[in-house]
Amino acid sequence: MPRPTAAQLAYGSCTVIFSTLAMLLLSQTSSGLGIAVIALAALALGLLVAMTVPLPGPRAVAAPAEEPAPVPVARERVPVRREPVAASAEPVREPTAP
């Protein structure tokens, strides 16, 4: 049996307290038996309310993102033409000492 949630405890407790007060005030009973009957009825009502509070459903887990389509790989190797780079005619500029 799952543990009661905070909402179930709160609703059940409030129901017991307020229904007990309401029934005692409306019945105006002063006998011990009448108070015991009202207390038991309030407890039963509180239990009923606590059990009918909707339970939280399972959390929705984010679906994993779809993997991107694979990039097509070239089947043939294309020769790369590389040209040699000539050395620069400009001198390299170096910082001077202070």
PDB file of N, CA and C in Angstrom:
ATOM      1  N   MET A   1       0.855  -1.171   0.000  1.00  0.00           N
ATOM      2  CA  MET A   1       0.000   0.000   0.000  1.00  0.00           C
ATOM      3  C   MET A   1       0.899   1.232   0.000  1.00  0.00           C
ATOM      4  N   PRO A   2       0.657   2.172  -0.901  1.00  0.00           N
ATOM      5  CA  PRO A   2       1.514   3.359  -0.970  1.00  0.00           C
ATOM      6  C   PRO A   2       1.295   4.279   0.229  1.00  0.00           C
ATOM      7  N   ARG A   3       2.320   5.041   0.527  1.00  0.00           N
ATOM      8  CA  ARG A   3       2.230   5.997   1.627  1.00  0.00           C
ATOM      9  C   ARG A   3       1.306   7.146   1.229  1.00  0.00           C
ATOM     10  N   PRO A   4       0.586   7.715   2.209  1.00  0.00           N
ATOM     11  CA  PRO A   4      -0.308   8.833   1.868  1.00  0.00           C
ATOM     12  C   PRO A   4       0.495  10.072   1.476  1.00  0.00           C
ATOM     13  N   THR A   5      -0.054  10.814   0.540  1.00  0.00           N
ATOM     14  CA  THR A   5       0.608  12.038   0.096  1.00  0.00           C
ATOM     15  C   THR A   5       0.264  13.183   1.049  1.00  0.00           C
ATOM     16  N   ALA A   6       0.941  14.293   0.873  1.00  0.00           N
ATOM     17  CA  ALA A   6       0.679  15.460   1.728  1.00  0.00           C
ATOM     18  C   ALA A   6      -0.751  15.964   1.534  1.00  0.00           C
ATOM     19  N   ALA A   7      -1.234  15.906   0.307  1.00  0.00           N
ATOM     20  CA  ALA A   7      -2.603  16.355   0.044  1.00  0.00           C
ATOM     21  C   ALA A   7      -3.613  15.460   0.760  1.00  0.00           C
ATOM     22  N   GLN A   8      -3.380  14.162   0.753  1.00  0.00           N
ATOM     23  CA  GLN A   8      -4.298  13.251   1.434  1.00  0.00           C
ATOM     24  C   GLN A   8      -4.315  13.512   2.935  1.00  0.00           C
ATOM     25  N   LEU A   9      -3.134  13.723   3.518  1.00  0.00           N
ATOM     26  CA  LEU A   9      -3.075  14.005   4.951  1.00  0.00           C
ATOM     27  C   LEU A   9      -3.771  15.319   5.285  1.00  0.00           C
ATOM     28  N   ALA A  10      -3.548  16.329   4.473  1.00  0.00           N
ATOM     29  CA  ALA A  10      -4.147  17.643   4.738  1.00  0.00           C
ATOM     30  C   ALA A  10      -5.667  17.591   4.607  1.00  0.00           C
ATOM     31  N   TYR A  11      -6.160  17.014   3.517  1.00  0.00           N
ATOM     32  CA  TYR A  11      -7.614  16.942   3.315  1.00  0.00           C
ATOM     33  C   TYR A  11      -8.284  16.093   4.387  1.00  0.00           C
ATOM     34  N   GLY A  12      -7.671  14.976   4.717  1.00  0.00           N
ATOM     35  CA  GLY A  12      -8.255  14.104   5.734  1.00  0.00           C
ATOM     36  C   GLY A  12      -8.292  14.761   7.100  1.00  0.00           C
ATOM     37  N   SER A  13      -7.195  15.424   7.470  1.00  0.00           N
ATOM     38  CA  SER A  13      -7.140  16.079   8.780  1.00  0.00           C
ATOM     39  C   SER A  13      -8.139  17.226   8.874  1.00  0.00           C
ATOM     40  N   CYS A  14      -8.197  18.040   7.833  1.00  0.00           N
ATOM     41  CA  CYS A  14      -9.158  19.156   7.838  1.00  0.00           C
ATOM     42  C   CYS A  14     -10.595  18.647   7.900  1.00  0.00           C
ATOM     43  N   THR A  15     -10.859  17.561   7.205  1.00  0.00           N
ATOM     44  CA  THR A  15     -12.210  17.005   7.227  1.00  0.00           C
ATOM     45  C   THR A  15     -12.589  16.526   8.622  1.00  0.00           C
ATOM     46  N   VAL A  16     -11.646  15.843   9.287  1.00  0.00           N
ATOM     47  CA  VAL A  16     -11.932  15.351  10.642  1.00  0.00           C
ATOM     48  C   VAL A  16     -12.198  16.515  11.587  1.00  0.00           C
ATOM     49  N   ILE A  17     -11.351  17.527  11.541  1.00  0.00           N
ATOM     50  CA  ILE A  17     -11.487  18.652  12.481  1.00  0.00           C
ATOM     51  C   ILE A  17     -12.786  19.418  12.238  1.00  0.00           C
ATOM     52  N   PHE A  18     -13.013  19.803  10.978  1.00  0.00           N
ATOM     53  CA  PHE A  18     -14.193  20.624  10.704  1.00  0.00           C
ATOM     54  C   PHE A  18     -15.498  19.847  10.829  1.00  0.00           C
ATOM     55  N   SER A  19     -15.498  18.580  10.437  1.00  0.00           N
ATOM     56  CA  SER A  19     -16.744  17.818  10.573  1.00  0.00           C
ATOM     57  C   SER A  19     -17.051  17.532  12.041  1.00  0.00           C
ATOM     58  N   THR A  20     -16.015  17.317  12.847  1.00  0.00           N
ATOM     59  CA  THR A  20     -16.253  17.113  14.282  1.00  0.00           C
ATOM     60  C   THR A  20     -16.853  18.364  14.909  1.00  0.00           C
ATOM     61  N   LEU A  21     -16.242  19.520  14.610  1.00  0.00           N
ATOM     62  CA  LEU A  21     -16.777  20.767  15.158  1.00  0.00           C
ATOM     63  C   LEU A  21     -18.209  21.021  14.687  1.00  0.00           C
ATOM     64  N   ALA A  22     -18.451  20.804  13.402  1.00  0.00           N
ATOM     65  CA  ALA A  22     -19.793  21.056  12.867  1.00  0.00           C
ATOM     66  C   ALA A  22     -20.831  20.128  13.497  1.00  0.00           C
ATOM     67  N   MET A  23     -20.507  18.841  13.609  1.00  0.00           N
ATOM     68  CA  MET A  23     -21.484  17.900  14.188  1.00  0.00           C
ATOM     69  C   MET A  23     -21.713  18.156  15.672  1.00  0.00           C
ATOM     70  N   LEU A  24     -20.645  18.539  16.397  1.00  0.00           N
ATOM     71  CA  LEU A  24     -20.827  18.835  17.819  1.00  0.00           C
ATOM     72  C   LEU A  24     -21.674  20.089  18.027  1.00  0.00           C
ATOM     73  N   LEU A  25     -21.427  21.099  17.177  1.00  0.00           N
ATOM     74  CA  LEU A  25     -22.211  22.321  17.318  1.00  0.00           C
ATOM     75  C   LEU A  25     -23.666  22.126  16.896  1.00  0.00           C
ATOM     76  N   LEU A  26     -23.876  21.343  15.838  1.00  0.00           N
ATOM     77  CA  LEU A  26     -25.242  21.142  15.361  1.00  0.00           C
ATOM     78  C   LEU A  26     -26.042  20.197  16.251  1.00  0.00           C
ATOM     79  N   SER A  27     -25.386  19.187  16.812  1.00  0.00           N
ATOM     80  CA  SER A  27     -26.135  18.221  17.632  1.00  0.00           C
ATOM     81  C   SER A  27     -26.315  18.709  19.065  1.00  0.00           C
ATOM     82  N   GLN A  28     -25.458  19.574  19.520  1.00  0.00           N
ATOM     83  CA  GLN A  28     -25.490  20.106  20.888  1.00  0.00           C
ATOM     84  C   GLN A  28     -25.520  18.987  21.921  1.00  0.00           C
ATOM     85  N   THR A  29     -24.785  17.939  21.643  1.00  0.00           N
ATOM     86  CA  THR A  29     -24.743  16.814  22.579  1.00  0.00           C
ATOM     87  C   THR A  29     -23.718  17.094  23.671  1.00  0.00           C
ATOM     88  N   SER A  30     -23.968  16.548  24.836  1.00  0.00           N
ATOM     89  CA  SER A  30     -23.033  16.704  25.954  1.00  0.00           C
ATOM     90  C   SER A  30     -22.704  15.364  26.598  1.00  0.00           C
ATOM     91  N   SER A  31     -23.308  14.292  26.101  1.00  0.00           N
ATOM     92  CA  SER A  31     -23.036  12.979  26.674  1.00  0.00           C
ATOM     93  C   SER A  31     -21.758  12.394  26.070  1.00  0.00           C
ATOM     94  N   GLY A  32     -21.110  11.563  26.816  1.00  0.00           N
ATOM     95  CA  GLY A  32     -19.875  10.922  26.360  1.00  0.00           C
ATOM     96  C   GLY A  32     -20.103  10.018  25.168  1.00  0.00           C
ATOM     97  N   LEU A  33     -21.237   9.317  25.181  1.00  0.00           N
ATOM     98  CA  LEU A  33     -21.550   8.421  24.059  1.00  0.00           C
ATOM     99  C   LEU A  33     -21.786   9.202  22.775  1.00  0.00           C
ATOM    100  N   GLY A  34     -22.488  10.335  22.859  1.00  0.00           N
ATOM    101  CA  GLY A  34     -22.745  11.157  21.679  1.00  0.00           C
ATOM    102  C   GLY A  34     -21.461  11.731  21.092  1.00  0.00           C
ATOM    103  N   ILE A  35     -20.561  12.172  21.969  1.00  0.00           N
ATOM    104  CA  ILE A  35     -19.277  12.716  21.506  1.00  0.00           C
ATOM    105  C   ILE A  35     -18.439  11.615  20.848  1.00  0.00           C
ATOM    106  N   ALA A  36     -18.465  10.409  21.422  1.00  0.00           N
ATOM    107  CA  ALA A  36     -17.710   9.301  20.848  1.00  0.00           C
ATOM    108  C   ALA A  36     -18.246   8.921  19.464  1.00  0.00           C
ATOM    109  N   VAL A  37     -19.565   8.908  19.324  1.00  0.00           N
ATOM    110  CA  VAL A  37     -20.168   8.584  18.022  1.00  0.00           C
ATOM    111  C   VAL A  37     -19.798   9.644  16.989  1.00  0.00           C
ATOM    112  N   ILE A  38     -19.840  10.909  17.388  1.00  0.00           N
ATOM    113  CA  ILE A  38     -19.492  11.990  16.468  1.00  0.00           C
ATOM    114  C   ILE A  38     -18.015  11.903  16.080  1.00  0.00           C
ATOM    115  N   ALA A  39     -17.159  11.608  17.056  1.00  0.00           N
ATOM    116  CA  ALA A  39     -15.727  11.498  16.766  1.00  0.00           C
ATOM    117  C   ALA A  39     -15.458  10.343  15.806  1.00  0.00           C
ATOM    118  N   LEU A  40     -16.104   9.209  16.002  1.00  0.00           N
ATOM    119  CA  LEU A  40     -15.910   8.072  15.099  1.00  0.00           C
ATOM    120  C   LEU A  40     -16.447   8.374  13.700  1.00  0.00           C
ATOM    121  N   ALA A  41     -17.587   9.069  13.646  1.00  0.00           N
ATOM    122  CA  ALA A  41     -18.132   9.437  12.335  1.00  0.00           C
ATOM    123  C   ALA A  41     -17.203  10.408  11.616  1.00  0.00           C
ATOM    124  N   ALA A  42     -16.618  11.352  12.363  1.00  0.00           N
ATOM    125  CA  ALA A  42     -15.686  12.302  11.754  1.00  0.00           C
ATOM    126  C   ALA A  42     -14.422  11.596  11.267  1.00  0.00           C
ATOM    127  N   LEU A  43     -13.936  10.648  12.029  1.00  0.00           N
ATOM    128  CA  LEU A  43     -12.757   9.891  11.596  1.00  0.00           C
ATOM    129  C   LEU A  43     -13.047   9.084  10.340  1.00  0.00           C
ATOM    130  N   ALA A  44     -14.222   8.470  10.293  1.00  0.00           N
ATOM    131  CA  ALA A  44     -14.586   7.702   9.095  1.00  0.00           C
ATOM    132  C   ALA A  44     -14.714   8.613   7.886  1.00  0.00           C
ATOM    133  N   LEU A  45     -15.320   9.781   8.086  1.00  0.00           N
ATOM    134  CA  LEU A  45     -15.457  10.736   6.986  1.00  0.00           C
ATOM    135  C   LEU A  45     -14.084  11.245   6.524  1.00  0.00           C
ATOM    136  N   GLY A  46     -13.203  11.528   7.475  1.00  0.00           N
ATOM    137  CA  GLY A  46     -11.850  11.970   7.118  1.00  0.00           C
ATOM    138  C   GLY A  46     -11.089  10.910   6.353  1.00  0.00           C
ATOM    139  N   LEU A  47     -11.243   9.654   6.754  1.00  0.00           N
ATOM    140  CA  LEU A  47     -10.587   8.560   6.031  1.00  0.00           C
ATOM    141  C   LEU A  47     -11.150   8.426   4.623  1.00  0.00           C
ATOM    142  N   LEU A  48     -12.450   8.557   4.485  1.00  0.00           N
ATOM    143  CA  LEU A  48     -13.073   8.484   3.161  1.00  0.00           C
ATOM    144  C   LEU A  48     -12.565   9.602   2.250  1.00  0.00           C
ATOM    145  N   VAL A  49     -12.495  10.816   2.790  1.00  0.00           N
ATOM    146  CA  VAL A  49     -12.013  11.939   1.983  1.00  0.00           C
ATOM    147  C   VAL A  49     -10.557  11.736   1.604  1.00  0.00           C
ATOM    148  N   ALA A  50      -9.729  11.292   2.545  1.00  0.00           N
ATOM    149  CA  ALA A  50      -8.305  11.095   2.264  1.00  0.00           C
ATOM    150  C   ALA A  50      -8.076  10.019   1.207  1.00  0.00           C
ATOM    151  N   MET A  51      -8.928   8.998   1.212  1.00  0.00           N
ATOM    152  CA  MET A  51      -8.733   7.914   0.241  1.00  0.00           C
ATOM    153  C   MET A  51      -9.261   8.262  -1.146  1.00  0.00           C
ATOM    154  N   THR A  52     -10.167   9.232  -1.230  1.00  0.00           N
ATOM    155  CA  THR A  52     -10.716   9.587  -2.541  1.00  0.00           C
ATOM    156  C   THR A  52      -9.965  10.726  -3.207  1.00  0.00           C
ATOM    157  N   VAL A  53      -8.985  11.327  -2.510  1.00  0.00           N
ATOM    158  CA  VAL A  53      -8.165  12.355  -3.153  1.00  0.00           C
ATOM    159  C   VAL A  53      -7.385  11.671  -4.271  1.00  0.00           C
ATOM    160  N   PRO A  54      -7.424  12.232  -5.475  1.00  0.00           N
ATOM    161  CA  PRO A  54      -6.733  11.568  -6.575  1.00  0.00           C
ATOM    162  C   PRO A  54      -5.230  11.497  -6.323  1.00  0.00           C
ATOM    163  N   LEU A  55      -4.694  10.329  -6.565  1.00  0.00           N
ATOM    164  CA  LEU A  55      -3.259  10.134  -6.415  1.00  0.00           C
ATOM    165  C   LEU A  55      -2.534  10.725  -7.614  1.00  0.00           C
ATOM    166  N   PRO A  56      -1.316  11.207  -7.403  1.00  0.00           N
ATOM    167  CA  PRO A  56      -0.572  11.717  -8.552  1.00  0.00           C
ATOM    168  C   PRO A  56      -0.235  10.573  -9.493  1.00  0.00           C
ATOM    169  N   GLY A  57      -0.419  10.828 -10.780  1.00  0.00           N
ATOM    170  CA  GLY A  57      -0.121   9.798 -11.769  1.00  0.00           C
ATOM    171  C   GLY A  57       1.376   9.695 -11.983  1.00  0.00           C
ATOM    172  N   PRO A  58       1.772   8.720 -12.745  1.00  0.00           N
ATOM    173  CA  PRO A  58       3.205   8.588 -13.025  1.00  0.00           C
ATOM    174  C   PRO A  58       3.680   9.788 -13.816  1.00  0.00           C
ATOM    175  N   ARG A  59       4.862  10.229 -13.484  1.00  0.00           N
ATOM    176  CA  ARG A  59       5.412  11.392 -14.171  1.00  0.00           C
ATOM    177  C   ARG A  59       5.751  11.033 -15.604  1.00  0.00           C
ATOM    178  N   ALA A  60       5.430  11.971 -16.473  1.00  0.00           N
ATOM    179  CA  ALA A  60       5.727  11.757 -17.885  1.00  0.00           C
ATOM    180  C   ALA A  60       7.218  11.967 -18.102  1.00  0.00           C
ATOM    181  N   VAL A  61       7.845  10.952 -18.624  1.00  0.00           N
ATOM    182  CA  VAL A  61       9.267  11.043 -18.912  1.00  0.00           C
ATOM    183  C   VAL A  61       9.416  11.542 -20.336  1.00  0.00           C
ATOM    184  N   ALA A  62      10.279  12.503 -20.503  1.00  0.00           N
ATOM    185  CA  ALA A  62      10.495  13.061 -21.839  1.00  0.00           C
ATOM    186  C   ALA A  62      11.038  11.970 -22.755  1.00  0.00           C
ATOM    187  N   ALA A  63      10.427  11.869 -23.914  1.00  0.00           N
ATOM    188  CA  ALA A  63      10.877  10.867 -24.877  1.00  0.00           C
ATOM    189  C   ALA A  63      12.263  11.245 -25.369  1.00  0.00           C
ATOM    190  N   PRO A  64      13.118  10.271 -25.534  1.00  0.00           N
ATOM    191  CA  PRO A  64      14.457  10.597 -26.016  1.00  0.00           C
ATOM    192  C   PRO A  64      14.372  11.196 -27.415  1.00  0.00           C
ATOM    193  N   ALA A  65      15.205  12.178 -27.632  1.00  0.00           N
ATOM    194  CA  ALA A  65      15.220  12.845 -28.935  1.00  0.00           C
ATOM    195  C   ALA A  65      15.649  11.848 -30.006  1.00  0.00           C
ATOM    196  N   GLU A  66      15.006  11.967 -31.133  1.00  0.00           N
ATOM    197  CA  GLU A  66      15.356  11.065 -32.218  1.00  0.00           C
ATOM    198  C   GLU A  66      16.749  11.395 -32.717  1.00  0.00           C
ATOM    199  N   GLU A  67      17.474  10.362 -33.043  1.00  0.00           N
ATOM    200  CA  GLU A  67      18.821  10.580 -33.548  1.00  0.00           C
ATOM    201  C   GLU A  67      18.724  11.136 -34.963  1.00  0.00           C
ATOM    202  N   PRO A  68      19.608  12.080 -35.280  1.00  0.00           N
ATOM    203  CA  PRO A  68      19.568  12.624 -36.635  1.00  0.00           C
ATOM    204  C   PRO A  68      19.930  11.551 -37.655  1.00  0.00           C
ATOM    205  N   ALA A  69      19.423  11.741 -38.836  1.00  0.00           N
ATOM    206  CA  ALA A  69      19.699  10.774 -39.898  1.00  0.00           C
ATOM    207  C   ALA A  69      21.201  10.764 -40.176  1.00  0.00           C
ATOM    208  N   PRO A  70      21.757   9.603 -40.432  1.00  0.00           N
ATOM    209  CA  PRO A  70      23.196   9.536 -40.685  1.00  0.00           C
ATOM    210  C   PRO A  70      23.551  10.287 -41.974  1.00  0.00           C
ATOM    211  N   VAL A  71      24.695  10.918 -41.928  1.00  0.00           N
ATOM    212  CA  VAL A  71      25.176  11.666 -43.085  1.00  0.00           C
ATOM    213  C   VAL A  71      25.711  10.659 -44.099  1.00  0.00           C
ATOM    214  N   PRO A  72      25.265  10.778 -45.346  1.00  0.00           N
ATOM    215  CA  PRO A  72      25.763   9.823 -46.341  1.00  0.00           C
ATOM    216  C   PRO A  72      27.269  10.003 -46.541  1.00  0.00           C
ATOM    217  N   VAL A  73      27.936   8.887 -46.602  1.00  0.00           N
ATOM    218  CA  VAL A  73      29.387   8.896 -46.770  1.00  0.00           C
ATOM    219  C   VAL A  73      29.693   8.659 -48.241  1.00  0.00           C
ATOM    220  N   ALA A  74      30.634   9.441 -48.761  1.00  0.00           N
ATOM    221  CA  ALA A  74      31.027   9.272 -50.162  1.00  0.00           C
ATOM    222  C   ALA A  74      31.685   7.909 -50.328  1.00  0.00           C
ATOM    223  N   ARG A  75      31.277   7.221 -51.340  1.00  0.00           N
ATOM    224  CA  ARG A  75      31.820   5.882 -51.581  1.00  0.00           C
ATOM    225  C   ARG A  75      33.172   5.940 -52.303  1.00  0.00           C
ATOM    226  N   GLU A  76      33.369   6.967 -53.112  1.00  0.00           N
ATOM    227  CA  GLU A  76      34.630   7.084 -53.836  1.00  0.00           C
ATOM    228  C   GLU A  76      35.516   8.072 -53.134  1.00  0.00           C
ATOM    229  N   ARG A  77      36.784   7.845 -53.200  1.00  0.00           N
ATOM    230  CA  ARG A  77      37.719   8.813 -52.661  1.00  0.00           C
ATOM    231  C   ARG A  77      38.077   9.775 -53.774  1.00  0.00           C
ATOM    232  N   VAL A  78      37.842  11.023 -53.506  1.00  0.00           N
ATOM    233  CA  VAL A  78      38.154  12.044 -54.489  1.00  0.00           C
ATOM    234  C   VAL A  78      39.549  12.570 -54.174  1.00  0.00           C
ATOM    235  N   PRO A  79      40.469  12.536 -55.171  1.00  0.00           N
ATOM    236  CA  PRO A  79      41.824  13.032 -54.888  1.00  0.00           C
ATOM    237  C   PRO A  79      41.790  14.539 -54.659  1.00  0.00           C
ATOM    238  N   VAL A  80      42.517  14.965 -53.675  1.00  0.00           N
ATOM    239  CA  VAL A  80      42.577  16.377 -53.344  1.00  0.00           C
ATOM    240  C   VAL A  80      43.854  16.939 -53.960  1.00  0.00           C
ATOM    241  N   ARG A  81      43.682  18.006 -54.713  1.00  0.00           N
ATOM    242  CA  ARG A  81      44.832  18.619 -55.346  1.00  0.00           C
ATOM    243  C   ARG A  81      45.334  19.711 -54.408  1.00  0.00           C
ATOM    244  N   ARG A  82      46.576  19.541 -53.963  1.00  0.00           N
ATOM    245  CA  ARG A  82      47.152  20.529 -53.084  1.00  0.00           C
ATOM    246  C   ARG A  82      48.312  21.214 -53.781  1.00  0.00           C
ATOM    247  N   GLU A  83      48.310  22.517 -53.657  1.00  0.00           N
ATOM    248  CA  GLU A  83      49.398  23.286 -54.258  1.00  0.00           C
ATOM    249  C   GLU A  83      50.321  23.769 -53.165  1.00  0.00           C
ATOM    250  N   PRO A  84      51.613  23.699 -53.400  1.00  0.00           N
ATOM    251  CA  PRO A  84      52.535  24.194 -52.374  1.00  0.00           C
ATOM    252  C   PRO A  84      52.406  25.706 -52.236  1.00  0.00           C
ATOM    253  N   VAL A  85      52.564  26.181 -51.038  1.00  0.00           N
ATOM    254  CA  VAL A  85      52.451  27.606 -50.760  1.00  0.00           C
ATOM    255  C   VAL A  85      53.863  28.186 -50.748  1.00  0.00           C
ATOM    256  N   ALA A  86      54.028  29.245 -51.494  1.00  0.00           N
ATOM    257  CA  ALA A  86      55.338  29.886 -51.540  1.00  0.00           C
ATOM    258  C   ALA A  86      55.570  30.654 -50.251  1.00  0.00           C
ATOM    259  N   ALA A  87      56.861  30.773 -49.877  1.00  0.00           N
ATOM    260  CA  ALA A  87      57.206  31.505 -48.668  1.00  0.00           C
ATOM    261  C   ALA A  87      56.903  32.975 -48.864  1.00  0.00           C
ATOM    262  N   SER A  88      56.512  33.609 -47.811  1.00  0.00           N
ATOM    263  CA  SER A  88      56.137  35.015 -47.884  1.00  0.00           C
ATOM    264  C   SER A  88      57.379  35.887 -48.023  1.00  0.00           C
ATOM    265  N   ALA A  89      57.263  36.942 -48.803  1.00  0.00           N
ATOM    266  CA  ALA A  89      58.374  37.854 -49.003  1.00  0.00           C
ATOM    267  C   ALA A  89      58.448  38.872 -47.878  1.00  0.00           C
ATOM    268  N   GLU A  90      57.405  39.020 -47.093  1.00  0.00           N
ATOM    269  CA  GLU A  90      57.400  39.999 -46.020  1.00  0.00           C
ATOM    270  C   GLU A  90      58.131  39.447 -44.808  1.00  0.00           C
ATOM    271  N   PRO A  91      58.881  40.307 -44.136  1.00  0.00           N
ATOM    272  CA  PRO A  91      59.575  39.837 -42.932  1.00  0.00           C
ATOM    273  C   PRO A  91      58.585  39.660 -41.784  1.00  0.00           C
ATOM    274  N   VAL A  92      58.939  38.810 -40.884  1.00  0.00           N
ATOM    275  CA  VAL A  92      58.098  38.565 -39.709  1.00  0.00           C
ATOM    276  C   VAL A  92      58.315  39.703 -38.748  1.00  0.00           C
ATOM    277  N   ARG A  93      57.245  40.265 -38.220  1.00  0.00           N
ATOM    278  CA  ARG A  93      57.361  41.386 -37.280  1.00  0.00           C
ATOM    279  C   ARG A  93      57.382  40.822 -35.870  1.00  0.00           C
ATOM    280  N   GLU A  94      58.454  41.121 -35.177  1.00  0.00           N
ATOM    281  CA  GLU A  94      58.607  40.669 -33.796  1.00  0.00           C
ATOM    282  C   GLU A  94      58.589  41.877 -32.869  1.00  0.00           C
ATOM    283  N   PRO A  95      58.071  41.700 -31.662  1.00  0.00           N
ATOM    284  CA  PRO A  95      58.066  42.841 -30.746  1.00  0.00           C
ATOM    285  C   PRO A  95      59.496  43.234 -30.350  1.00  0.00           C
ATOM    286  N   THR A  96      59.700  44.495 -30.188  1.00  0.00           N
ATOM    287  CA  THR A  96      61.033  44.985 -29.805  1.00  0.00           C
ATOM    288  C   THR A  96      61.131  45.005 -28.294  1.00  0.00           C
ATOM    289  N   ALA A  97      62.332  44.913 -27.807  1.00  0.00           N
ATOM    290  CA  ALA A  97      62.567  44.963 -26.355  1.00  0.00           C
ATOM    291  C   ALA A  97      62.349  46.372 -25.859  1.00  0.00           C
ATOM    292  N   PRO A  98      61.806  46.579 -24.702  1.00  0.00           N
ATOM    293  CA  PRO A  98      61.570  47.954 -24.202  1.00  0.00           C
ATOM    294  C   PRO A  98      62.810  48.671 -23.784  1.00  0.00           C
TER     295      PRO A  98
END
